[in-house]
Amino acid sequence: MKALIQRVSRASVTVNDSCVGSIEHGILAYIGLGHDDNIQGAQRLIDKILTYRIFENASDPTKLGKLDQNLQQVGGGLLLVSQFTLMANTNNGRRPDFGAAMKPDAAQALFAELLAYAHTQHSVVASGQFGANMQVESINDGPLNFLLEV
């Protein structure tokens, strides 16, 4: 299981010209699910995303420029977007191999559980629409991007 997380000033997901999820200041997380992933790993991943320190402590001038606060501490939003392409094997040739990605039905169920767990752990959670052709807009703050794996 992988998550590509981005610190954003704002982010949104649109499907068929309709906004299905948006956040202001926070984290946009693209989630890739593999064959052996399960709810325990999904919960660990959400916990890691919520507590990963990628925000500055604006209230402490001695810590300016230091990434010492997490999403929960700054009260930011979390936007989760399922993205099977994160599981691609790009080591050979010029075409990605998606064989490591979880099958769509199982991935949709696990992503729904991951999303439900995120809602129990954080107050501002939004998501894209699983399996849809999504247009994701974001203002990357920094830019700061991290690949997390569990």
N, C-alpha and C. Protein backbone atom coordinates (compact mmCIF):
# COMPACT_ATOMS: atom_id res chain seq x y z
N MET A 1 0.85 -1.17 0.00
CA MET A 1 0.00 0.00 0.00
C MET A 1 0.90 1.23 0.00
N LYS A 2 0.54 2.15 -0.86
CA LYS A 2 1.33 3.37 -1.00
C LYS A 2 0.42 4.58 -0.93
N ALA A 3 1.00 5.68 -0.46
CA ALA A 3 0.31 6.96 -0.51
C ALA A 3 1.31 8.02 -0.96
N LEU A 4 0.94 8.73 -1.98
CA LEU A 4 1.70 9.92 -2.37
C LEU A 4 0.97 11.08 -1.75
N ILE A 5 1.61 11.73 -0.78
CA ILE A 5 0.94 12.83 -0.09
C ILE A 5 1.57 14.15 -0.50
N GLN A 6 0.71 15.16 -0.60
CA GLN A 6 1.14 16.51 -0.95
C GLN A 6 0.55 17.49 0.05
N ARG A 7 1.39 18.38 0.55
CA ARG A 7 0.88 19.48 1.37
C ARG A 7 0.29 20.49 0.41
N VAL A 8 -0.97 20.85 0.62
CA VAL A 8 -1.66 21.73 -0.32
C VAL A 8 -2.29 22.93 0.39
N SER A 9 -2.39 24.02 -0.37
CA SER A 9 -3.16 25.18 0.10
C SER A 9 -4.64 24.92 -0.10
N ARG A 10 -4.96 24.19 -1.17
CA ARG A 10 -6.32 23.72 -1.41
C ARG A 10 -6.26 22.65 -2.49
N ALA A 11 -7.31 21.81 -2.53
CA ALA A 11 -7.38 20.76 -3.54
C ALA A 11 -8.84 20.36 -3.72
N SER A 12 -9.15 19.90 -4.93
CA SER A 12 -10.51 19.45 -5.20
C SER A 12 -10.50 18.36 -6.27
N VAL A 13 -11.59 17.58 -6.28
CA VAL A 13 -11.78 16.53 -7.28
C VAL A 13 -13.12 16.76 -7.96
N THR A 14 -13.09 16.76 -9.28
CA THR A 14 -14.30 16.95 -10.07
C THR A 14 -14.54 15.71 -10.93
N VAL A 15 -15.80 15.29 -10.99
CA VAL A 15 -16.22 14.18 -11.85
C VAL A 15 -17.44 14.66 -12.63
N ASN A 16 -17.37 14.55 -13.95
CA ASN A 16 -18.48 14.99 -14.81
C ASN A 16 -18.95 16.41 -14.47
N ASP A 17 -18.00 17.31 -14.37
CA ASP A 17 -18.26 18.73 -14.10
C ASP A 17 -18.89 19.00 -12.73
N SER A 18 -18.83 18.05 -11.83
CA SER A 18 -19.37 18.24 -10.48
C SER A 18 -18.28 17.97 -9.45
N CYS A 19 -18.10 18.90 -8.53
CA CYS A 19 -17.10 18.73 -7.47
C CYS A 19 -17.60 17.65 -6.50
N VAL A 20 -16.79 16.59 -6.34
CA VAL A 20 -17.17 15.51 -5.43
C VAL A 20 -16.42 15.56 -4.11
N GLY A 21 -15.36 16.36 -4.04
CA GLY A 21 -14.60 16.49 -2.80
C GLY A 21 -13.64 17.65 -2.88
N SER A 22 -13.49 18.38 -1.78
CA SER A 22 -12.54 19.49 -1.77
C SER A 22 -12.11 19.78 -0.33
N ILE A 23 -10.92 20.34 -0.22
CA ILE A 23 -10.38 20.77 1.08
C ILE A 23 -9.67 22.10 0.89
N GLU A 24 -9.49 22.78 1.97
CA GLU A 24 -8.60 23.93 2.00
C GLU A 24 -7.25 23.41 2.50
N HIS A 25 -6.48 24.21 3.16
CA HIS A 25 -5.16 23.85 3.69
C HIS A 25 -5.14 22.43 4.26
N GLY A 26 -4.22 21.60 3.78
CA GLY A 26 -4.14 20.24 4.31
C GLY A 26 -3.31 19.33 3.45
N ILE A 27 -3.77 18.06 3.31
CA ILE A 27 -3.05 17.03 2.58
C ILE A 27 -3.94 16.41 1.52
N LEU A 28 -3.41 16.36 0.31
CA LEU A 28 -3.99 15.59 -0.77
C LEU A 28 -3.21 14.28 -0.80
N ALA A 29 -3.92 13.15 -0.66
CA ALA A 29 -3.26 11.84 -0.61
C ALA A 29 -3.80 10.94 -1.72
N TYR A 30 -2.91 10.54 -2.62
CA TYR A 30 -3.24 9.54 -3.63
C TYR A 30 -2.91 8.18 -3.03
N ILE A 31 -3.86 7.26 -3.09
CA ILE A 31 -3.73 5.96 -2.42
C ILE A 31 -3.65 4.84 -3.45
N GLY A 32 -2.59 4.04 -3.39
CA GLY A 32 -2.43 2.87 -4.25
C GLY A 32 -2.55 1.61 -3.43
N LEU A 33 -3.40 0.69 -3.86
CA LEU A 33 -3.64 -0.55 -3.13
C LEU A 33 -3.11 -1.74 -3.92
N GLY A 34 -2.38 -2.62 -3.22
CA GLY A 34 -1.81 -3.80 -3.85
C GLY A 34 -2.52 -5.07 -3.42
N HIS A 35 -2.17 -6.19 -4.06
CA HIS A 35 -2.83 -7.48 -3.84
C HIS A 35 -2.91 -7.90 -2.37
N ASP A 36 -1.85 -7.72 -1.63
CA ASP A 36 -1.80 -8.23 -0.25
C ASP A 36 -2.24 -7.21 0.79
N ASP A 37 -2.74 -6.07 0.39
CA ASP A 37 -3.12 -5.04 1.35
C ASP A 37 -4.43 -5.40 2.05
N ASN A 38 -4.57 -4.87 3.27
CA ASN A 38 -5.75 -5.18 4.09
C ASN A 38 -6.10 -3.97 4.96
N ILE A 39 -7.19 -4.10 5.72
CA ILE A 39 -7.68 -2.98 6.53
C ILE A 39 -6.68 -2.58 7.61
N GLN A 40 -5.95 -3.53 8.17
CA GLN A 40 -4.96 -3.16 9.19
C GLN A 40 -3.88 -2.25 8.60
N GLY A 41 -3.41 -2.58 7.40
CA GLY A 41 -2.43 -1.72 6.73
C GLY A 41 -3.03 -0.38 6.37
N ALA A 42 -4.30 -0.39 5.95
CA ALA A 42 -4.98 0.86 5.60
C ALA A 42 -5.08 1.78 6.81
N GLN A 43 -5.40 1.21 7.96
CA GLN A 43 -5.49 2.00 9.19
C GLN A 43 -4.12 2.56 9.57
N ARG A 44 -3.07 1.75 9.44
CA ARG A 44 -1.72 2.24 9.73
C ARG A 44 -1.35 3.38 8.79
N LEU A 45 -1.74 3.25 7.52
CA LEU A 45 -1.42 4.29 6.55
C LEU A 45 -2.14 5.59 6.89
N ILE A 46 -3.42 5.52 7.22
CA ILE A 46 -4.17 6.73 7.60
C ILE A 46 -3.54 7.35 8.84
N ASP A 47 -3.22 6.53 9.84
CA ASP A 47 -2.59 7.05 11.06
C ASP A 47 -1.27 7.75 10.73
N LYS A 48 -0.50 7.18 9.82
CA LYS A 48 0.77 7.78 9.45
C LYS A 48 0.56 9.10 8.72
N ILE A 49 -0.41 9.14 7.80
CA ILE A 49 -0.70 10.38 7.08
C ILE A 49 -1.12 11.48 8.05
N LEU A 50 -1.99 11.15 8.99
CA LEU A 50 -2.51 12.15 9.92
C LEU A 50 -1.43 12.67 10.88
N THR A 51 -0.43 11.87 11.16
CA THR A 51 0.59 12.27 12.14
C THR A 51 1.95 12.59 11.51
N TYR A 52 2.04 12.52 10.20
CA TYR A 52 3.29 12.83 9.51
C TYR A 52 3.54 14.33 9.58
N ARG A 53 4.69 14.72 10.09
CA ARG A 53 4.96 16.14 10.35
C ARG A 53 5.50 16.84 9.10
N ILE A 54 4.58 17.51 8.39
CA ILE A 54 4.97 18.23 7.17
C ILE A 54 4.51 19.68 7.18
N PHE A 55 4.11 20.17 8.36
CA PHE A 55 3.66 21.55 8.49
C PHE A 55 4.55 22.30 9.46
N GLU A 56 4.73 23.59 9.19
CA GLU A 56 5.52 24.44 10.08
C GLU A 56 4.67 24.87 11.27
N ASN A 57 5.34 25.13 12.37
CA ASN A 57 4.67 25.64 13.56
C ASN A 57 4.67 27.16 13.48
N ALA A 58 3.58 27.71 12.96
CA ALA A 58 3.49 29.15 12.75
C ALA A 58 3.43 29.94 14.05
N SER A 59 3.05 29.30 15.14
CA SER A 59 2.93 30.02 16.40
C SER A 59 4.24 30.11 17.18
N ASP A 60 5.28 29.42 16.73
CA ASP A 60 6.56 29.44 17.42
C ASP A 60 7.64 29.98 16.48
N PRO A 61 8.02 31.26 16.64
CA PRO A 61 8.99 31.86 15.73
C PRO A 61 10.35 31.18 15.74
N THR A 62 10.67 30.46 16.79
CA THR A 62 11.97 29.78 16.85
C THR A 62 11.97 28.52 15.97
N LYS A 63 10.80 28.10 15.52
CA LYS A 63 10.71 26.87 14.72
C LYS A 63 10.30 27.14 13.27
N LEU A 64 10.34 28.39 12.85
CA LEU A 64 9.99 28.70 11.47
C LEU A 64 10.90 27.94 10.51
N GLY A 65 10.30 27.36 9.50
CA GLY A 65 11.05 26.59 8.52
C GLY A 65 11.22 25.14 8.90
N LYS A 66 10.86 24.77 10.11
CA LYS A 66 10.98 23.38 10.55
C LYS A 66 9.62 22.69 10.43
N LEU A 67 9.64 21.50 9.89
CA LEU A 67 8.42 20.72 9.73
C LEU A 67 8.19 19.93 11.00
N ASP A 68 7.45 20.51 11.93
CA ASP A 68 7.28 19.85 13.23
C ASP A 68 5.83 19.66 13.64
N GLN A 69 4.88 19.93 12.74
CA GLN A 69 3.48 19.71 13.09
C GLN A 69 2.81 18.83 12.04
N ASN A 70 1.79 18.09 12.50
CA ASN A 70 1.08 17.20 11.60
C ASN A 70 -0.29 17.77 11.24
N LEU A 71 -1.01 17.05 10.42
CA LEU A 71 -2.30 17.51 9.94
C LEU A 71 -3.29 17.74 11.07
N GLN A 72 -3.30 16.86 12.04
CA GLN A 72 -4.22 17.01 13.16
C GLN A 72 -3.90 18.26 13.98
N GLN A 73 -2.63 18.57 14.15
CA GLN A 73 -2.23 19.73 14.94
C GLN A 73 -2.60 21.05 14.25
N VAL A 74 -2.54 21.07 12.92
CA VAL A 74 -2.85 22.32 12.21
C VAL A 74 -4.32 22.40 11.81
N GLY A 75 -5.07 21.33 12.05
CA GLY A 75 -6.50 21.34 11.75
C GLY A 75 -6.81 21.39 10.26
N GLY A 76 -5.94 20.83 9.44
CA GLY A 76 -6.14 20.86 8.00
C GLY A 76 -7.07 19.77 7.52
N GLY A 77 -7.40 19.84 6.24
CA GLY A 77 -8.27 18.85 5.61
C GLY A 77 -7.46 17.73 4.98
N LEU A 78 -8.13 16.59 4.78
CA LEU A 78 -7.53 15.43 4.13
C LEU A 78 -8.40 15.05 2.95
N LEU A 79 -7.81 15.04 1.75
CA LEU A 79 -8.51 14.63 0.54
C LEU A 79 -7.87 13.34 0.04
N LEU A 80 -8.64 12.26 0.03
CA LEU A 80 -8.15 10.94 -0.37
C LEU A 80 -8.62 10.61 -1.77
N VAL A 81 -7.68 10.19 -2.62
CA VAL A 81 -7.99 9.85 -4.01
C VAL A 81 -7.37 8.49 -4.32
N SER A 82 -8.21 7.52 -4.68
CA SER A 82 -7.71 6.20 -5.06
C SER A 82 -6.98 6.30 -6.39
N GLN A 83 -5.77 5.71 -6.44
CA GLN A 83 -4.99 5.79 -7.67
C GLN A 83 -4.16 4.52 -7.85
N PHE A 84 -4.71 3.58 -8.62
CA PHE A 84 -4.04 2.30 -8.83
C PHE A 84 -2.71 2.45 -9.54
N THR A 85 -2.50 3.53 -10.27
CA THR A 85 -1.26 3.71 -11.01
C THR A 85 -0.03 3.83 -10.10
N LEU A 86 -0.24 4.13 -8.82
CA LEU A 86 0.89 4.17 -7.88
C LEU A 86 1.52 2.79 -7.71
N MET A 87 0.77 1.74 -8.02
CA MET A 87 1.28 0.38 -7.86
C MET A 87 1.99 -0.12 -9.12
N ALA A 88 2.12 0.71 -10.13
CA ALA A 88 2.74 0.29 -11.40
C ALA A 88 4.20 -0.07 -11.23
N ASN A 89 4.60 -1.12 -11.94
CA ASN A 89 6.00 -1.47 -12.06
C ASN A 89 6.52 -0.76 -13.30
N THR A 90 7.47 0.13 -13.12
CA THR A 90 8.00 0.91 -14.24
C THR A 90 9.46 0.56 -14.54
N ASN A 91 9.91 -0.58 -14.03
CA ASN A 91 11.31 -0.95 -14.18
C ASN A 91 11.68 -1.41 -15.58
N ASN A 92 10.74 -1.98 -16.32
CA ASN A 92 11.05 -2.54 -17.63
C ASN A 92 10.26 -1.84 -18.72
N GLY A 93 10.93 -1.57 -19.82
CA GLY A 93 10.27 -1.03 -21.00
C GLY A 93 9.75 0.38 -20.82
N ARG A 94 8.77 0.71 -21.66
CA ARG A 94 8.22 2.05 -21.67
C ARG A 94 6.72 2.05 -21.42
N ARG A 95 6.21 0.93 -20.93
CA ARG A 95 4.79 0.84 -20.60
C ARG A 95 4.67 0.32 -19.18
N PRO A 96 3.89 0.99 -18.33
CA PRO A 96 3.75 0.53 -16.94
C PRO A 96 3.02 -0.81 -16.87
N ASP A 97 3.41 -1.62 -15.89
CA ASP A 97 2.77 -2.91 -15.62
C ASP A 97 1.97 -2.76 -14.33
N PHE A 98 0.66 -2.93 -14.43
CA PHE A 98 -0.22 -2.73 -13.27
C PHE A 98 -0.57 -4.03 -12.56
N GLY A 99 0.21 -5.08 -12.79
CA GLY A 99 -0.06 -6.39 -12.20
C GLY A 99 -0.07 -6.41 -10.69
N ALA A 100 0.63 -5.48 -10.04
CA ALA A 100 0.69 -5.45 -8.57
C ALA A 100 -0.52 -4.77 -7.94
N ALA A 101 -1.34 -4.10 -8.75
CA ALA A 101 -2.50 -3.38 -8.22
C ALA A 101 -3.61 -4.37 -7.83
N MET A 102 -4.28 -4.05 -6.76
CA MET A 102 -5.42 -4.87 -6.30
C MET A 102 -6.52 -4.81 -7.36
N LYS A 103 -7.24 -5.91 -7.52
CA LYS A 103 -8.36 -5.96 -8.47
C LYS A 103 -9.42 -4.93 -8.06
N PRO A 104 -10.11 -4.33 -9.04
CA PRO A 104 -11.02 -3.21 -8.76
C PRO A 104 -12.08 -3.47 -7.68
N ASP A 105 -12.76 -4.61 -7.70
CA ASP A 105 -13.82 -4.84 -6.70
C ASP A 105 -13.27 -4.87 -5.28
N ALA A 106 -12.16 -5.59 -5.10
CA ALA A 106 -11.54 -5.66 -3.78
C ALA A 106 -10.98 -4.30 -3.37
N ALA A 107 -10.38 -3.59 -4.32
CA ALA A 107 -9.80 -2.28 -4.03
C ALA A 107 -10.89 -1.28 -3.64
N GLN A 108 -12.03 -1.34 -4.31
CA GLN A 108 -13.12 -0.42 -3.98
C GLN A 108 -13.61 -0.66 -2.56
N ALA A 109 -13.73 -1.92 -2.17
CA ALA A 109 -14.18 -2.24 -0.81
C ALA A 109 -13.15 -1.79 0.22
N LEU A 110 -11.86 -2.04 -0.04
CA LEU A 110 -10.82 -1.64 0.91
C LEU A 110 -10.71 -0.12 0.99
N PHE A 111 -10.82 0.56 -0.16
CA PHE A 111 -10.75 2.02 -0.14
C PHE A 111 -11.92 2.59 0.67
N ALA A 112 -13.10 2.00 0.54
CA ALA A 112 -14.27 2.45 1.32
C ALA A 112 -14.01 2.28 2.82
N GLU A 113 -13.38 1.17 3.20
CA GLU A 113 -13.05 0.96 4.62
C GLU A 113 -12.00 1.96 5.08
N LEU A 114 -11.00 2.21 4.25
CA LEU A 114 -9.95 3.19 4.57
C LEU A 114 -10.58 4.56 4.77
N LEU A 115 -11.49 4.94 3.89
CA LEU A 115 -12.17 6.23 3.98
C LEU A 115 -13.02 6.32 5.25
N ALA A 116 -13.74 5.26 5.56
CA ALA A 116 -14.56 5.24 6.77
C ALA A 116 -13.68 5.38 8.01
N TYR A 117 -12.55 4.70 8.03
CA TYR A 117 -11.63 4.82 9.16
C TYR A 117 -11.10 6.25 9.27
N ALA A 118 -10.73 6.85 8.14
CA ALA A 118 -10.22 8.23 8.15
C ALA A 118 -11.25 9.17 8.77
N HIS A 119 -12.54 8.97 8.46
CA HIS A 119 -13.60 9.81 9.03
C HIS A 119 -13.69 9.66 10.55
N THR A 120 -13.33 8.50 11.08
CA THR A 120 -13.37 8.32 12.54
C THR A 120 -12.17 8.94 13.23
N GLN A 121 -11.11 9.21 12.46
CA GLN A 121 -9.87 9.71 13.05
C GLN A 121 -9.63 11.20 12.86
N HIS A 122 -10.35 11.80 11.91
CA HIS A 122 -10.09 13.21 11.58
C HIS A 122 -11.40 13.88 11.19
N SER A 123 -11.52 15.15 11.50
CA SER A 123 -12.81 15.83 11.31
C SER A 123 -13.06 16.31 9.88
N VAL A 124 -12.02 16.61 9.12
CA VAL A 124 -12.22 17.13 7.77
C VAL A 124 -11.62 16.16 6.76
N VAL A 125 -12.47 15.29 6.22
CA VAL A 125 -12.03 14.28 5.26
C VAL A 125 -12.96 14.33 4.04
N ALA A 126 -12.36 14.37 2.87
CA ALA A 126 -13.10 14.33 1.61
C ALA A 126 -12.43 13.28 0.73
N SER A 127 -13.11 12.93 -0.37
CA SER A 127 -12.52 11.93 -1.26
C SER A 127 -12.96 12.17 -2.69
N GLY A 128 -12.22 11.51 -3.57
CA GLY A 128 -12.62 11.45 -4.96
C GLY A 128 -13.68 10.38 -5.11
N GLN A 129 -13.92 9.96 -6.34
CA GLN A 129 -14.91 8.92 -6.62
C GLN A 129 -14.19 7.72 -7.20
N PHE A 130 -14.23 6.61 -6.50
CA PHE A 130 -13.48 5.42 -6.90
C PHE A 130 -13.84 5.02 -8.34
N GLY A 131 -12.83 4.77 -9.15
CA GLY A 131 -13.01 4.26 -10.49
C GLY A 131 -13.45 5.28 -11.53
N ALA A 132 -13.70 6.49 -11.12
CA ALA A 132 -14.17 7.51 -12.06
C ALA A 132 -12.99 8.20 -12.73
N ASN A 133 -13.26 8.83 -13.86
CA ASN A 133 -12.29 9.70 -14.49
C ASN A 133 -12.36 11.03 -13.73
N MET A 134 -11.37 11.27 -12.89
CA MET A 134 -11.39 12.43 -12.00
C MET A 134 -10.44 13.51 -12.51
N GLN A 135 -10.85 14.74 -12.33
CA GLN A 135 -9.97 15.87 -12.56
C GLN A 135 -9.60 16.39 -11.17
N VAL A 136 -8.32 16.32 -10.86
CA VAL A 136 -7.84 16.74 -9.55
C VAL A 136 -7.09 18.05 -9.71
N GLU A 137 -7.53 19.04 -8.96
CA GLU A 137 -6.85 20.33 -8.96
C GLU A 137 -6.25 20.55 -7.58
N SER A 138 -5.03 21.07 -7.56
CA SER A 138 -4.41 21.35 -6.26
C SER A 138 -3.40 22.47 -6.39
N ILE A 139 -3.23 23.15 -5.28
CA ILE A 139 -2.15 24.12 -5.13
C ILE A 139 -1.18 23.49 -4.14
N ASN A 140 -0.09 22.97 -4.66
CA ASN A 140 0.90 22.30 -3.84
C ASN A 140 1.66 23.36 -3.04
N ASP A 141 1.67 23.22 -1.73
CA ASP A 141 2.27 24.20 -0.83
C ASP A 141 3.69 23.78 -0.50
N GLY A 142 4.65 24.43 -1.09
CA GLY A 142 6.06 24.13 -0.80
C GLY A 142 6.93 24.19 -2.04
N PRO A 143 6.82 23.26 -2.93
CA PRO A 143 6.03 22.04 -2.90
C PRO A 143 6.63 21.00 -1.95
N LEU A 144 5.75 20.27 -1.31
CA LEU A 144 6.15 19.16 -0.45
C LEU A 144 5.38 17.92 -0.87
N ASN A 145 6.09 16.87 -1.26
CA ASN A 145 5.50 15.60 -1.68
C ASN A 145 6.29 14.48 -1.02
N PHE A 146 5.58 13.48 -0.50
CA PHE A 146 6.24 12.34 0.14
C PHE A 146 5.53 11.06 -0.28
N LEU A 147 6.32 10.00 -0.52
CA LEU A 147 5.77 8.70 -0.81
C LEU A 147 5.84 7.87 0.46
N LEU A 148 4.69 7.49 0.99
CA LEU A 148 4.61 6.67 2.19
C LEU A 148 4.21 5.24 1.81
N GLU A 149 4.82 4.27 2.46
CA GLU A 149 4.47 2.87 2.21
C GLU A 149 4.30 2.15 3.53
N VAL A 150 3.31 1.27 3.57
CA VAL A 150 3.13 0.42 4.76
C VAL A 150 3.01 -1.02 4.32
